[in-house]
Amino acid sequence: MRRVALAGAVVVGLVLVAVHWVGLFVAGALVGLTRRSLVRALVAGLAFGVLVLAVFFLLTPPVSPGNVLAVAPLSYVTVGVTLAGPVCGALARGVV
């Protein structure tokens, strides 16, 4: 049952991320709430952030990892928020 909930949270999360960047936090919370412990929730949030980055690089072919380094300050913020947002959202597991 948790795997089905996790798959649903990932799909909903990807849709939310496509709409607005705040979806990273909401998706992290959704993914984190499907895990049994806070540590697993944080790992799941980080994994979701990596998935979002992978989808970003796959769907935008002109933006290769080498090109991202060319716009260094902006790319650091993009990668940082993409990885840290879902982890911060997954902290909701510690509250519940």
N, C-alpha and C. Protein backbone atom coordinates (compact mmCIF):
# COMPACT_ATOMS: atom_id res chain seq x y z
N MET A 1 0.82 -1.19 0.00
CA MET A 1 0.00 0.00 0.00
C MET A 1 0.88 1.27 0.00
N ARG A 2 2.00 1.23 0.73
CA ARG A 2 2.89 2.39 0.78
C ARG A 2 3.51 2.67 -0.58
N ARG A 3 3.80 1.61 -1.32
CA ARG A 3 4.41 1.81 -2.65
C ARG A 3 3.43 2.47 -3.61
N VAL A 4 2.17 2.10 -3.50
CA VAL A 4 1.15 2.72 -4.35
C VAL A 4 1.01 4.20 -3.97
N ALA A 5 1.01 4.47 -2.67
CA ALA A 5 0.92 5.86 -2.22
C ALA A 5 2.16 6.65 -2.66
N LEU A 6 3.33 6.01 -2.59
CA LEU A 6 4.56 6.69 -3.03
C LEU A 6 4.51 6.99 -4.52
N ALA A 7 4.06 6.03 -5.31
CA ALA A 7 3.96 6.25 -6.76
C ALA A 7 2.98 7.38 -7.07
N GLY A 8 1.86 7.41 -6.37
CA GLY A 8 0.90 8.48 -6.55
C GLY A 8 1.47 9.83 -6.14
N ALA A 9 2.22 9.84 -5.03
CA ALA A 9 2.83 11.10 -4.57
C ALA A 9 3.86 11.60 -5.57
N VAL A 10 4.60 10.69 -6.18
CA VAL A 10 5.60 11.09 -7.17
C VAL A 10 4.91 11.69 -8.40
N VAL A 11 3.86 11.06 -8.86
CA VAL A 11 3.15 11.57 -10.04
C VAL A 11 2.53 12.94 -9.75
N VAL A 12 1.84 13.05 -8.62
CA VAL A 12 1.24 14.33 -8.25
C VAL A 12 2.32 15.38 -8.04
N GLY A 13 3.43 14.97 -7.43
CA GLY A 13 4.54 15.89 -7.20
C GLY A 13 5.14 16.42 -8.49
N LEU A 14 5.33 15.55 -9.46
CA LEU A 14 5.88 16.00 -10.74
C LEU A 14 4.94 16.97 -11.45
N VAL A 15 3.64 16.74 -11.32
CA VAL A 15 2.68 17.67 -11.92
C VAL A 15 2.74 19.02 -11.20
N LEU A 16 2.83 18.99 -9.87
CA LEU A 16 2.90 20.24 -9.11
C LEU A 16 4.17 21.01 -9.41
N VAL A 17 5.29 20.29 -9.56
CA VAL A 17 6.57 20.95 -9.87
C VAL A 17 6.51 21.60 -11.25
N ALA A 18 5.80 20.98 -12.17
CA ALA A 18 5.68 21.55 -13.51
C ALA A 18 4.87 22.84 -13.49
N VAL A 19 4.00 23.00 -12.50
CA VAL A 19 3.16 24.19 -12.41
C VAL A 19 3.87 25.34 -11.69
N HIS A 20 4.54 25.01 -10.57
CA HIS A 20 5.15 26.07 -9.76
C HIS A 20 6.27 25.46 -8.92
N TRP A 21 7.28 26.26 -8.59
CA TRP A 21 8.42 25.75 -7.85
C TRP A 21 8.06 25.37 -6.41
N VAL A 22 7.00 25.93 -5.85
CA VAL A 22 6.56 25.57 -4.51
C VAL A 22 6.12 24.10 -4.47
N GLY A 23 5.82 23.55 -5.65
CA GLY A 23 5.48 22.14 -5.75
C GLY A 23 6.59 21.23 -5.26
N LEU A 24 7.84 21.71 -5.26
CA LEU A 24 8.94 20.93 -4.72
C LEU A 24 8.73 20.64 -3.24
N PHE A 25 8.31 21.63 -2.49
CA PHE A 25 8.08 21.46 -1.06
C PHE A 25 6.86 20.57 -0.80
N VAL A 26 5.79 20.81 -1.55
CA VAL A 26 4.57 20.01 -1.40
C VAL A 26 4.84 18.56 -1.79
N ALA A 27 5.56 18.37 -2.88
CA ALA A 27 5.88 17.01 -3.32
C ALA A 27 6.77 16.31 -2.30
N GLY A 28 7.71 17.03 -1.72
CA GLY A 28 8.55 16.44 -0.68
C GLY A 28 7.72 16.00 0.51
N ALA A 29 6.73 16.81 0.89
CA ALA A 29 5.85 16.45 1.99
C ALA A 29 5.03 15.21 1.64
N LEU A 30 4.50 15.17 0.43
CA LEU A 30 3.71 14.02 0.01
C LEU A 30 4.54 12.74 0.00
N VAL A 31 5.74 12.84 -0.56
CA VAL A 31 6.62 11.67 -0.61
C VAL A 31 7.05 11.27 0.79
N GLY A 32 7.36 12.25 1.62
CA GLY A 32 7.82 11.96 2.98
C GLY A 32 6.75 11.33 3.85
N LEU A 33 5.51 11.72 3.64
CA LEU A 33 4.43 11.17 4.45
C LEU A 33 4.14 9.71 4.14
N THR A 34 4.65 9.20 3.04
CA THR A 34 4.44 7.78 2.72
C THR A 34 5.49 6.88 3.36
N ARG A 35 6.51 7.43 3.97
CA ARG A 35 7.59 6.65 4.58
C ARG A 35 7.33 6.42 6.06
N ARG A 36 7.97 5.40 6.62
CA ARG A 36 7.73 5.02 8.01
C ARG A 36 8.47 5.89 9.02
N SER A 37 9.65 6.38 8.69
CA SER A 37 10.45 7.15 9.65
C SER A 37 10.89 8.47 9.01
N LEU A 38 11.39 9.35 9.86
CA LEU A 38 11.84 10.65 9.37
C LEU A 38 13.07 10.51 8.47
N VAL A 39 13.98 9.62 8.83
CA VAL A 39 15.19 9.44 8.02
C VAL A 39 14.82 8.94 6.63
N ARG A 40 13.92 7.97 6.57
CA ARG A 40 13.49 7.47 5.26
C ARG A 40 12.74 8.53 4.47
N ALA A 41 12.00 9.37 5.17
CA ALA A 41 11.29 10.45 4.50
C ALA A 41 12.27 11.44 3.88
N LEU A 42 13.34 11.76 4.61
CA LEU A 42 14.33 12.69 4.08
C LEU A 42 15.06 12.11 2.89
N VAL A 43 15.36 10.82 2.95
CA VAL A 43 16.01 10.16 1.80
C VAL A 43 15.07 10.13 0.60
N ALA A 44 13.79 9.88 0.85
CA ALA A 44 12.81 9.88 -0.24
C ALA A 44 12.67 11.28 -0.84
N GLY A 45 12.72 12.31 -0.01
CA GLY A 45 12.67 13.68 -0.51
C GLY A 45 13.87 14.00 -1.38
N LEU A 46 15.05 13.57 -0.94
CA LEU A 46 16.26 13.79 -1.74
C LEU A 46 16.18 13.02 -3.06
N ALA A 47 15.69 11.80 -3.01
CA ALA A 47 15.54 11.00 -4.23
C ALA A 47 14.56 11.67 -5.20
N PHE A 48 13.50 12.26 -4.66
CA PHE A 48 12.56 12.97 -5.52
C PHE A 48 13.22 14.18 -6.17
N GLY A 49 14.05 14.89 -5.42
CA GLY A 49 14.77 16.02 -5.99
C GLY A 49 15.70 15.60 -7.12
N VAL A 50 16.38 14.47 -6.94
CA VAL A 50 17.25 13.94 -8.00
C VAL A 50 16.41 13.57 -9.22
N LEU A 51 15.24 12.98 -8.99
CA LEU A 51 14.34 12.63 -10.10
C LEU A 51 13.90 13.88 -10.86
N VAL A 52 13.58 14.94 -10.14
CA VAL A 52 13.17 16.19 -10.80
C VAL A 52 14.32 16.75 -11.65
N LEU A 53 15.53 16.71 -11.11
CA LEU A 53 16.68 17.18 -11.90
C LEU A 53 16.88 16.33 -13.15
N ALA A 54 16.73 15.02 -13.01
CA ALA A 54 16.90 14.13 -14.16
C ALA A 54 15.84 14.42 -15.22
N VAL A 55 14.60 14.60 -14.79
CA VAL A 55 13.53 14.92 -15.74
C VAL A 55 13.78 16.27 -16.40
N PHE A 56 14.28 17.23 -15.64
CA PHE A 56 14.60 18.55 -16.18
C PHE A 56 15.65 18.43 -17.29
N PHE A 57 16.71 17.67 -17.04
CA PHE A 57 17.76 17.54 -18.04
C PHE A 57 17.30 16.73 -19.25
N LEU A 58 16.38 15.78 -19.05
CA LEU A 58 15.88 14.99 -20.18
C LEU A 58 14.90 15.77 -21.04
N LEU A 59 14.09 16.61 -20.43
CA LEU A 59 13.06 17.33 -21.18
C LEU A 59 13.55 18.63 -21.82
N THR A 60 14.71 19.10 -21.42
CA THR A 60 15.28 20.30 -22.02
C THR A 60 16.62 19.94 -22.65
N PRO A 61 16.60 19.39 -23.85
CA PRO A 61 17.84 18.92 -24.49
C PRO A 61 18.93 19.98 -24.65
N PRO A 62 18.61 21.25 -24.94
CA PRO A 62 19.70 22.22 -25.09
C PRO A 62 20.45 22.46 -23.78
N VAL A 63 19.84 22.12 -22.66
CA VAL A 63 20.47 22.35 -21.36
C VAL A 63 21.15 21.06 -20.92
N SER A 64 22.38 20.90 -21.33
CA SER A 64 23.16 19.74 -20.90
C SER A 64 23.90 20.10 -19.62
N PRO A 65 24.41 19.13 -18.90
CA PRO A 65 25.16 19.47 -17.67
C PRO A 65 26.33 20.41 -17.94
N GLY A 66 26.97 20.30 -19.10
CA GLY A 66 28.06 21.22 -19.43
C GLY A 66 27.58 22.65 -19.62
N ASN A 67 26.41 22.81 -20.22
CA ASN A 67 25.84 24.15 -20.41
C ASN A 67 25.37 24.76 -19.10
N VAL A 68 24.96 23.92 -18.17
CA VAL A 68 24.51 24.43 -16.88
C VAL A 68 25.67 25.10 -16.15
N LEU A 69 26.86 24.54 -16.29
CA LEU A 69 28.02 25.13 -15.62
C LEU A 69 28.39 26.49 -16.20
N ALA A 70 27.97 26.76 -17.43
CA ALA A 70 28.27 28.05 -18.06
C ALA A 70 27.52 29.19 -17.37
N VAL A 71 26.36 28.91 -16.84
CA VAL A 71 25.59 29.91 -16.10
C VAL A 71 25.65 29.57 -14.61
N ALA A 72 26.86 29.52 -14.09
CA ALA A 72 27.14 28.96 -12.77
C ALA A 72 26.28 29.48 -11.62
N PRO A 73 26.21 30.76 -11.35
CA PRO A 73 25.44 31.15 -10.16
C PRO A 73 23.97 30.74 -10.22
N LEU A 74 23.35 30.92 -11.37
CA LEU A 74 21.95 30.56 -11.51
C LEU A 74 21.76 29.05 -11.43
N SER A 75 22.67 28.30 -12.00
CA SER A 75 22.53 26.85 -11.97
C SER A 75 22.72 26.29 -10.57
N TYR A 76 23.57 26.93 -9.76
CA TYR A 76 23.75 26.48 -8.38
C TYR A 76 22.46 26.64 -7.59
N VAL A 77 21.79 27.76 -7.80
CA VAL A 77 20.53 27.99 -7.12
C VAL A 77 19.48 26.98 -7.58
N THR A 78 19.44 26.72 -8.88
CA THR A 78 18.48 25.77 -9.42
C THR A 78 18.69 24.38 -8.83
N VAL A 79 19.92 23.91 -8.85
CA VAL A 79 20.21 22.58 -8.31
C VAL A 79 19.99 22.55 -6.80
N GLY A 80 20.40 23.59 -6.11
CA GLY A 80 20.24 23.63 -4.66
C GLY A 80 18.79 23.59 -4.22
N VAL A 81 17.95 24.41 -4.86
CA VAL A 81 16.53 24.43 -4.50
C VAL A 81 15.87 23.12 -4.90
N THR A 82 16.25 22.56 -6.02
CA THR A 82 15.65 21.32 -6.47
C THR A 82 15.98 20.16 -5.54
N LEU A 83 17.16 20.17 -4.95
CA LEU A 83 17.52 19.10 -4.02
C LEU A 83 17.05 19.39 -2.59
N ALA A 84 17.11 20.64 -2.16
CA ALA A 84 16.76 20.97 -0.79
C ALA A 84 15.26 21.14 -0.57
N GLY A 85 14.53 21.56 -1.59
CA GLY A 85 13.09 21.77 -1.44
C GLY A 85 12.32 20.54 -1.00
N PRO A 86 12.46 19.42 -1.72
CA PRO A 86 11.74 18.23 -1.29
C PRO A 86 12.21 17.69 0.07
N VAL A 87 13.48 17.88 0.40
CA VAL A 87 13.97 17.44 1.70
C VAL A 87 13.31 18.26 2.81
N CYS A 88 13.22 19.56 2.59
CA CYS A 88 12.54 20.41 3.58
C CYS A 88 11.05 20.05 3.68
N GLY A 89 10.44 19.75 2.56
CA GLY A 89 9.04 19.32 2.59
C GLY A 89 8.86 17.99 3.30
N ALA A 90 9.85 17.10 3.17
CA ALA A 90 9.75 15.79 3.81
C ALA A 90 9.85 15.90 5.32
N LEU A 91 10.29 17.02 5.83
CA LEU A 91 10.33 17.22 7.28
C LEU A 91 8.93 17.19 7.89
N ALA A 92 7.92 17.28 7.05
CA ALA A 92 6.55 17.16 7.54
C ALA A 92 6.31 15.82 8.20
N ARG A 93 7.08 14.82 7.82
CA ARG A 93 6.96 13.50 8.44
C ARG A 93 7.31 13.56 9.92
N GLY A 94 8.22 14.43 10.30
CA GLY A 94 8.59 14.59 11.70
C GLY A 94 7.50 15.24 12.52
N VAL A 95 6.63 15.99 11.87
CA VAL A 95 5.54 16.68 12.57
C VAL A 95 4.38 15.74 12.80
N VAL A 96 4.13 14.88 11.84
CA VAL A 96 2.96 13.99 11.91
C VAL A 96 3.26 12.77 12.73
